[in-house]
C-alpha atoms as a PDB file:
ATOM      1  CA  MET A   1     -20.917  26.070 -29.000  1.00  0.00           C
ATOM      2  CA  THR A   2     -17.905  24.229 -27.249  1.00  0.00           C
ATOM      3  CA  ARG A   3     -16.035  24.543 -24.164  1.00  0.00           C
ATOM      4  CA  SER A   4     -12.112  24.047 -23.444  1.00  0.00           C
ATOM      5  CA  VAL A   5     -11.871  22.612 -19.823  1.00  0.00           C
ATOM      6  CA  ALA A   6      -8.428  23.363 -18.478  1.00  0.00           C
ATOM      7  CA  VAL A   7      -6.699  20.546 -17.222  1.00  0.00           C
ATOM      8  CA  ARG A   8      -4.732  21.646 -13.762  1.00  0.00           C
ATOM      9  CA  ARG A   9      -1.512  20.316 -13.240  1.00  0.00           C
ATOM     10  CA  ALA A  10      -0.156  19.614  -9.796  1.00  0.00           C
ATOM     11  CA  LEU A  11       3.581  21.167  -8.770  1.00  0.00           C
ATOM     12  CA  PRO A  12       5.515  18.045  -8.202  1.00  0.00           C
ATOM     13  CA  THR A  13       5.591  19.291  -4.376  1.00  0.00           C
ATOM     14  CA  SER A  14       2.050  19.496  -3.279  1.00  0.00           C
ATOM     15  CA  PRO A  15       1.732  17.568  -0.539  1.00  0.00           C
ATOM     16  CA  PHE A  16      -1.695  16.180  -2.671  1.00  0.00           C
ATOM     17  CA  LYS A  17      -0.653  14.401  -5.390  1.00  0.00           C
ATOM     18  CA  ALA A  18       1.577  11.853  -3.111  1.00  0.00           C
ATOM     19  CA  ARG A  19       0.092   8.042  -2.399  1.00  0.00           C
ATOM     20  CA  ILE A  20      -0.608   7.263   0.811  1.00  0.00           C
ATOM     21  CA  GLU A  21       1.286   3.860   0.795  1.00  0.00           C
ATOM     22  CA  ALA A  22      -1.635   1.573   3.064  1.00  0.00           C
ATOM     23  CA  PRO A  23       1.470  -0.443   5.651  1.00  0.00           C
ATOM     24  CA  ARG A  24       1.344  -3.902   4.884  1.00  0.00           C
ATOM     25  CA  LYS A  25      -0.130  -6.392   6.604  1.00  0.00           C
ATOM     26  CA  HIS A  26       2.070  -8.751   8.913  1.00  0.00           C
ATOM     27  CA  PHE A  27       0.897 -12.427  10.117  1.00  0.00           C
ATOM     28  CA  ALA A  28       2.417 -15.265  11.442  1.00  0.00           C
ATOM     29  CA  VAL A  29       1.803 -18.916  12.723  1.00  0.00           C
ATOM     30  CA  GLY A  30      -1.390 -18.781  15.456  1.00  0.00           C
ATOM     31  CA  ASP A  31      -2.677 -15.508  14.881  1.00  0.00           C
ATOM     32  CA  ARG A  32      -6.653 -15.489  14.886  1.00  0.00           C
ATOM     33  CA  VAL A  33      -8.263 -13.600  12.507  1.00  0.00           C
ATOM     34  CA  THR A  34     -10.921 -13.847  10.660  1.00  0.00           C
ATOM     35  CA  HIS A  35     -11.590 -13.362   6.735  1.00  0.00           C
ATOM     36  CA  ASP A  36     -14.631 -11.176   4.863  1.00  0.00           C
ATOM     37  CA  THR A  37     -15.424 -14.558   2.615  1.00  0.00           C
ATOM     38  CA  TYR A  38     -14.713 -17.521   5.254  1.00  0.00           C
ATOM     39  CA  GLY A  39     -15.173 -16.301   8.725  1.00  0.00           C
ATOM     40  CA  LEU A  40     -12.409 -16.947  11.763  1.00  0.00           C
ATOM     41  CA  GLY A  41      -9.504 -19.033  11.551  1.00  0.00           C
ATOM     42  CA  ARG A  42      -6.066 -19.592  13.049  1.00  0.00           C
ATOM     43  CA  ALA A  43      -2.744 -18.966  11.400  1.00  0.00           C
ATOM     44  CA  ILE A  44      -0.932 -22.216  10.618  1.00  0.00           C
ATOM     45  CA  GLY A  45       1.947 -21.518   7.907  1.00  0.00           C
ATOM     46  CA  VAL A  46       3.539 -18.403   6.044  1.00  0.00           C
ATOM     47  CA  GLU A  47       5.191 -18.442   3.034  1.00  0.00           C
ATOM     48  CA  ARG A  48       8.447 -15.787   3.650  1.00  0.00           C
ATOM     49  CA  ASP A  49       7.863 -14.078   6.694  1.00  0.00           C
ATOM     50  CA  SER A  50       4.317 -13.496   5.102  1.00  0.00           C
ATOM     51  CA  ASP A  51       5.482 -11.736   2.489  1.00  0.00           C
ATOM     52  CA  ILE A  52       3.670 -14.164   0.105  1.00  0.00           C
ATOM     53  CA  ALA A  53       0.944 -16.760   1.201  1.00  0.00           C
ATOM     54  CA  VAL A  54      -0.871 -17.744   5.059  1.00  0.00           C
ATOM     55  CA  LEU A  55      -1.840 -20.736   5.055  1.00  0.00           C
ATOM     56  CA  VAL A  56      -5.461 -20.076   7.473  1.00  0.00           C
ATOM     57  CA  ASP A  57      -7.702 -22.658   9.301  1.00  0.00           C
ATOM     58  CA  PHE A  58     -11.046 -21.802   9.263  1.00  0.00           C
ATOM     59  CA  GLY A  59     -12.455 -24.742  11.189  1.00  0.00           C
ATOM     60  CA  SER A  60     -13.810 -26.855   8.356  1.00  0.00           C
ATOM     61  CA  ARG A  61     -11.512 -25.766   5.552  1.00  0.00           C
ATOM     62  CA  ARG A  62      -7.854 -25.004   5.340  1.00  0.00           C
ATOM     63  CA  GLU A  63      -7.228 -22.301   2.454  1.00  0.00           C
ATOM     64  CA  ARG A  64      -4.463 -20.133   0.889  1.00  0.00           C
ATOM     65  CA  ILE A  65      -4.574 -16.085   1.811  1.00  0.00           C
ATOM     66  CA  THR A  66      -2.421 -14.219  -0.936  1.00  0.00           C
ATOM     67  CA  GLN A  67      -0.675 -10.971  -0.742  1.00  0.00           C
ATOM     68  CA  PRO A  68      -2.610  -8.409  -0.488  1.00  0.00           C
ATOM     69  CA  TYR A  69      -4.504  -9.824   2.617  1.00  0.00           C
ATOM     70  CA  ALA A  70      -7.274  -6.538   1.576  1.00  0.00           C
ATOM     71  CA  ALA A  71      -9.706  -9.258   2.979  1.00  0.00           C
ATOM     72  CA  MET A  72      -7.928 -11.178   6.310  1.00  0.00           C
ATOM     73  CA  PHE A  73      -7.708  -8.544   9.421  1.00  0.00           C
ATOM     74  CA  LYS A  74      -6.027 -10.023  13.141  1.00  0.00           C
ATOM     75  CA  LEU A  75      -7.036 -10.501  15.830  1.00  0.00           C
END
């Protein structure tokens, strides 16, 4: 015996279908940041108003962190 499952479609105007977009993160030169992998650091360079990448000095190393900056947060 096989059972068919009815697929329910959301209305185009349904608020439950709307995608929630997270706010974009913006960093400036001199901002103190924390990164899940590299730890605490300071932004020393920003490429194109933070749309592309941020150069961060973590003390023992410098890393170029690119969008979407999921693992980096401003302190």
